[in-house]
Amino acid sequence: MPRTVLKPASLDFQPRPTYPYSPGAKGGGMIFTAGQVAWDATGEVTGIGDVRAQTIQTLANVEAVLKEGGATWDDVVKCNVYLKDMADFQIMNEEFAKIFPNDPPARTTVQTPLAEETMLVEIEAVAVVGE
């Protein structure tokens, strides 16, 4: 089955620095989001210095890609979360728990440098939409 690139209207911009980028892809009944960050519709990082605001925007961007592929949060089987500072885990986790209040997907969370200094959180998801 060929893959389909997923580009929701809210993420239809070329990120900085310019590099090959697709917000997500669908193939074989699965959706893979690229790592999403707190970009707004213009490609600017929002919530500078505020991990809660960035987590909310990041999750909204993940959701936009999922919807573009025909999935919902209920279809997500795995998430990877990348934090600039693990001290922000609790705040990020509070927002994550609002999306997945029961039976959350498998998740890995690590501390790592992110692509831009102002980015505090990055999240990617894998969803299954056909079995």
C-alpha atoms as a PDB file:
ATOM      1  CA  MET A   1       0.000   0.000   0.000  1.00  0.00           C
ATOM      2  CA  PRO A   2       1.467   3.382  -0.925  1.00  0.00           C
ATOM      3  CA  ARG A   3       1.974   6.009   1.736  1.00  0.00           C
ATOM      4  CA  THR A   4       0.034   9.230   1.899  1.00  0.00           C
ATOM      5  CA  VAL A   5       1.657  12.376   3.246  1.00  0.00           C
ATOM      6  CA  LEU A   6      -0.523  14.121   5.834  1.00  0.00           C
ATOM      7  CA  LYS A   7      -0.411  17.940   5.825  1.00  0.00           C
ATOM      8  CA  PRO A   8      -3.216  19.521   7.854  1.00  0.00           C
ATOM      9  CA  ALA A   9      -3.976  23.119   6.892  1.00  0.00           C
ATOM     10  CA  SER A  10      -2.849  24.301  10.343  1.00  0.00           C
ATOM     11  CA  LEU A  11       0.623  22.855   9.676  1.00  0.00           C
ATOM     12  CA  ASP A  12       0.954  23.791   6.008  1.00  0.00           C
ATOM     13  CA  PHE A  13       4.209  25.715   6.266  1.00  0.00           C
ATOM     14  CA  GLN A  14       7.856  24.896   5.784  1.00  0.00           C
ATOM     15  CA  PRO A  15       9.620  24.752   9.147  1.00  0.00           C
ATOM     16  CA  ARG A  16      12.925  26.427   9.855  1.00  0.00           C
ATOM     17  CA  PRO A  17      15.588  25.619   8.889  1.00  0.00           C
ATOM     18  CA  THR A  18      14.359  24.468   5.515  1.00  0.00           C
ATOM     19  CA  TYR A  19      14.560  20.691   5.275  1.00  0.00           C
ATOM     20  CA  PRO A  20      12.417  17.878   3.879  1.00  0.00           C
ATOM     21  CA  TYR A  21       9.479  17.674   6.272  1.00  0.00           C
ATOM     22  CA  SER A  22       6.021  16.144   6.338  1.00  0.00           C
ATOM     23  CA  PRO A  23       3.818  16.517   9.448  1.00  0.00           C
ATOM     24  CA  GLY A  24       2.787  12.891   9.113  1.00  0.00           C
ATOM     25  CA  ALA A  25       2.250   9.897   6.880  1.00  0.00           C
ATOM     26  CA  LYS A  26      -0.332   7.147   6.517  1.00  0.00           C
ATOM     27  CA  GLY A  27       0.228   3.687   5.107  1.00  0.00           C
ATOM     28  CA  GLY A  28      -0.803   0.129   5.795  1.00  0.00           C
ATOM     29  CA  GLY A  29      -3.561   1.193   8.177  1.00  0.00           C
ATOM     30  CA  MET A  30      -1.138   3.146  10.353  1.00  0.00           C
ATOM     31  CA  ILE A  31      -0.536   6.835  10.926  1.00  0.00           C
ATOM     32  CA  PHE A  32       2.847   8.161  11.960  1.00  0.00           C
ATOM     33  CA  THR A  33       3.139  11.762  13.038  1.00  0.00           C
ATOM     34  CA  ALA A  34       6.426  13.555  12.748  1.00  0.00           C
ATOM     35  CA  GLY A  35       7.670  14.989  16.002  1.00  0.00           C
ATOM     36  CA  GLN A  36       5.382  17.943  16.580  1.00  0.00           C
ATOM     37  CA  VAL A  37       6.377  21.038  18.524  1.00  0.00           C
ATOM     38  CA  ALA A  38       4.569  24.197  19.592  1.00  0.00           C
ATOM     39  CA  TRP A  39       4.440  25.767  16.129  1.00  0.00           C
ATOM     40  CA  ASP A  40       1.428  27.931  15.437  1.00  0.00           C
ATOM     41  CA  ALA A  41      -0.205  28.170  11.991  1.00  0.00           C
ATOM     42  CA  THR A  42       2.546  30.557  10.823  1.00  0.00           C
ATOM     43  CA  GLY A  43       5.391  28.266  11.868  1.00  0.00           C
ATOM     44  CA  GLU A  44       6.398  30.304  14.916  1.00  0.00           C
ATOM     45  CA  VAL A  45       7.040  28.671  18.286  1.00  0.00           C
ATOM     46  CA  THR A  46       4.368  29.703  20.791  1.00  0.00           C
ATOM     47  CA  GLY A  47       4.441  29.692  24.589  1.00  0.00           C
ATOM     48  CA  ILE A  48       8.072  30.726  24.874  1.00  0.00           C
ATOM     49  CA  GLY A  49       9.313  29.611  28.301  1.00  0.00           C
ATOM     50  CA  ASP A  50       5.967  27.951  29.185  1.00  0.00           C
ATOM     51  CA  VAL A  51       6.035  24.151  28.951  1.00  0.00           C
ATOM     52  CA  ARG A  52       2.286  23.878  29.651  1.00  0.00           C
ATOM     53  CA  ALA A  53       1.385  26.199  26.776  1.00  0.00           C
ATOM     54  CA  GLN A  54       3.851  24.436  24.500  1.00  0.00           C
ATOM     55  CA  THR A  55       2.491  21.001  25.444  1.00  0.00           C
ATOM     56  CA  ILE A  56      -1.074  22.117  24.701  1.00  0.00           C
ATOM     57  CA  GLN A  57      -0.059  23.490  21.272  1.00  0.00           C
ATOM     58  CA  THR A  58       2.085  20.443  20.530  1.00  0.00           C
ATOM     59  CA  LEU A  59      -0.781  18.069  21.338  1.00  0.00           C
ATOM     60  CA  ALA A  60      -3.103  20.147  19.142  1.00  0.00           C
ATOM     61  CA  ASN A  61      -0.627  19.761  16.286  1.00  0.00           C
ATOM     62  CA  VAL A  62      -0.402  15.981  16.823  1.00  0.00           C
ATOM     63  CA  GLU A  63      -4.202  15.818  16.849  1.00  0.00           C
ATOM     64  CA  ALA A  64      -4.410  17.772  13.577  1.00  0.00           C
ATOM     65  CA  VAL A  65      -2.179  15.197  11.865  1.00  0.00           C
ATOM     66  CA  LEU A  66      -4.162  12.308  13.324  1.00  0.00           C
ATOM     67  CA  LYS A  67      -7.451  13.822  12.112  1.00  0.00           C
ATOM     68  CA  GLU A  68      -5.988  14.429   8.658  1.00  0.00           C
ATOM     69  CA  GLY A  69      -5.319  10.684   8.481  1.00  0.00           C
ATOM     70  CA  GLY A  70      -8.744   9.701   9.811  1.00  0.00           C
ATOM     71  CA  ALA A  71      -7.653   8.863  13.360  1.00  0.00           C
ATOM     72  CA  THR A  72      -8.530  10.051  16.837  1.00  0.00           C
ATOM     73  CA  TRP A  73      -6.666   9.908  20.130  1.00  0.00           C
ATOM     74  CA  ASP A  74      -8.399   6.559  20.750  1.00  0.00           C
ATOM     75  CA  ASP A  75      -6.450   5.079  17.826  1.00  0.00           C
ATOM     76  CA  VAL A  76      -3.029   6.022  19.225  1.00  0.00           C
ATOM     77  CA  VAL A  77      -0.940   3.046  20.320  1.00  0.00           C
ATOM     78  CA  LYS A  78       2.420   4.748  21.008  1.00  0.00           C
ATOM     79  CA  CYS A  79       3.759   8.205  21.803  1.00  0.00           C
ATOM     80  CA  ASN A  80       7.287   9.462  22.189  1.00  0.00           C
ATOM     81  CA  VAL A  81       7.772  12.630  24.208  1.00  0.00           C
ATOM     82  CA  TYR A  82      10.988  14.632  24.108  1.00  0.00           C
ATOM     83  CA  LEU A  83      11.560  17.240  26.815  1.00  0.00           C
ATOM     84  CA  LYS A  84      14.277  19.839  26.861  1.00  0.00           C
ATOM     85  CA  ASP A  85      14.312  19.521  30.657  1.00  0.00           C
ATOM     86  CA  MET A  86      12.986  16.481  32.545  1.00  0.00           C
ATOM     87  CA  ALA A  87      12.055  18.860  35.383  1.00  0.00           C
ATOM     88  CA  ASP A  88       9.081  19.777  33.142  1.00  0.00           C
ATOM     89  CA  PHE A  89       7.773  16.193  33.165  1.00  0.00           C
ATOM     90  CA  GLN A  90       4.964  16.742  35.674  1.00  0.00           C
ATOM     91  CA  ILE A  91       3.504  19.735  33.834  1.00  0.00           C
ATOM     92  CA  MET A  92       3.694  17.976  30.462  1.00  0.00           C
ATOM     93  CA  ASN A  93       2.213  14.840  32.026  1.00  0.00           C
ATOM     94  CA  GLU A  94      -0.784  16.769  33.415  1.00  0.00           C
ATOM     95  CA  GLU A  95      -1.694  17.919  29.889  1.00  0.00           C
ATOM     96  CA  PHE A  96      -0.974  14.482  28.392  1.00  0.00           C
ATOM     97  CA  ALA A  97      -3.304  12.913  30.969  1.00  0.00           C
ATOM     98  CA  LYS A  98      -6.134  15.214  29.843  1.00  0.00           C
ATOM     99  CA  ILE A  99      -5.882  13.660  26.372  1.00  0.00           C
ATOM    100  CA  PHE A 100      -5.523  10.096  27.686  1.00  0.00           C
ATOM    101  CA  PRO A 101      -7.391   9.974  31.030  1.00  0.00           C
ATOM    102  CA  ASN A 102      -7.852   6.178  30.856  1.00  0.00           C
ATOM    103  CA  ASP A 103      -5.781   3.455  29.257  1.00  0.00           C
ATOM    104  CA  PRO A 104      -3.106   5.707  27.742  1.00  0.00           C
ATOM    105  CA  PRO A 105      -0.950   4.407  24.896  1.00  0.00           C
ATOM    106  CA  ALA A 106       2.563   3.120  25.403  1.00  0.00           C
ATOM    107  CA  ARG A 107       4.836   6.107  25.948  1.00  0.00           C
ATOM    108  CA  THR A 108       8.518   6.881  26.127  1.00  0.00           C
ATOM    109  CA  THR A 109       9.672  10.197  27.591  1.00  0.00           C
ATOM    110  CA  VAL A 110      13.276  11.367  27.366  1.00  0.00           C
ATOM    111  CA  GLN A 111      15.253  14.521  27.978  1.00  0.00           C
ATOM    112  CA  THR A 112      17.129  15.748  24.921  1.00  0.00           C
ATOM    113  CA  PRO A 113      18.146  18.938  23.138  1.00  0.00           C
ATOM    114  CA  LEU A 114      15.472  20.040  20.654  1.00  0.00           C
ATOM    115  CA  ALA A 115      15.856  21.657  17.218  1.00  0.00           C
ATOM    116  CA  GLU A 116      15.451  25.249  18.421  1.00  0.00           C
ATOM    117  CA  GLU A 117      16.416  26.854  21.722  1.00  0.00           C
ATOM    118  CA  THR A 118      12.844  28.020  22.417  1.00  0.00           C
ATOM    119  CA  MET A 119      11.326  24.542  22.010  1.00  0.00           C
ATOM    120  CA  LEU A 120      10.570  22.799  25.313  1.00  0.00           C
ATOM    121  CA  VAL A 121       8.603  19.728  24.215  1.00  0.00           C
ATOM    122  CA  GLU A 122       8.197  17.561  21.124  1.00  0.00           C
ATOM    123  CA  ILE A 123       5.679  14.734  20.762  1.00  0.00           C
ATOM    124  CA  GLU A 124       5.144  12.101  18.087  1.00  0.00           C
ATOM    125  CA  ALA A 125       2.431   9.471  17.847  1.00  0.00           C
ATOM    126  CA  VAL A 126       1.649   6.230  16.050  1.00  0.00           C
ATOM    127  CA  ALA A 127      -1.997   5.297  15.448  1.00  0.00           C
ATOM    128  CA  VAL A 128      -3.678   2.243  13.954  1.00  0.00           C
ATOM    129  CA  VAL A 129      -6.733   2.950  11.810  1.00  0.00           C
ATOM    130  CA  GLY A 130      -7.226  -0.373  10.062  1.00  0.00           C
ATOM    131  CA  GLU A 131      -6.611  -3.914  11.199  1.00  0.00           C
END
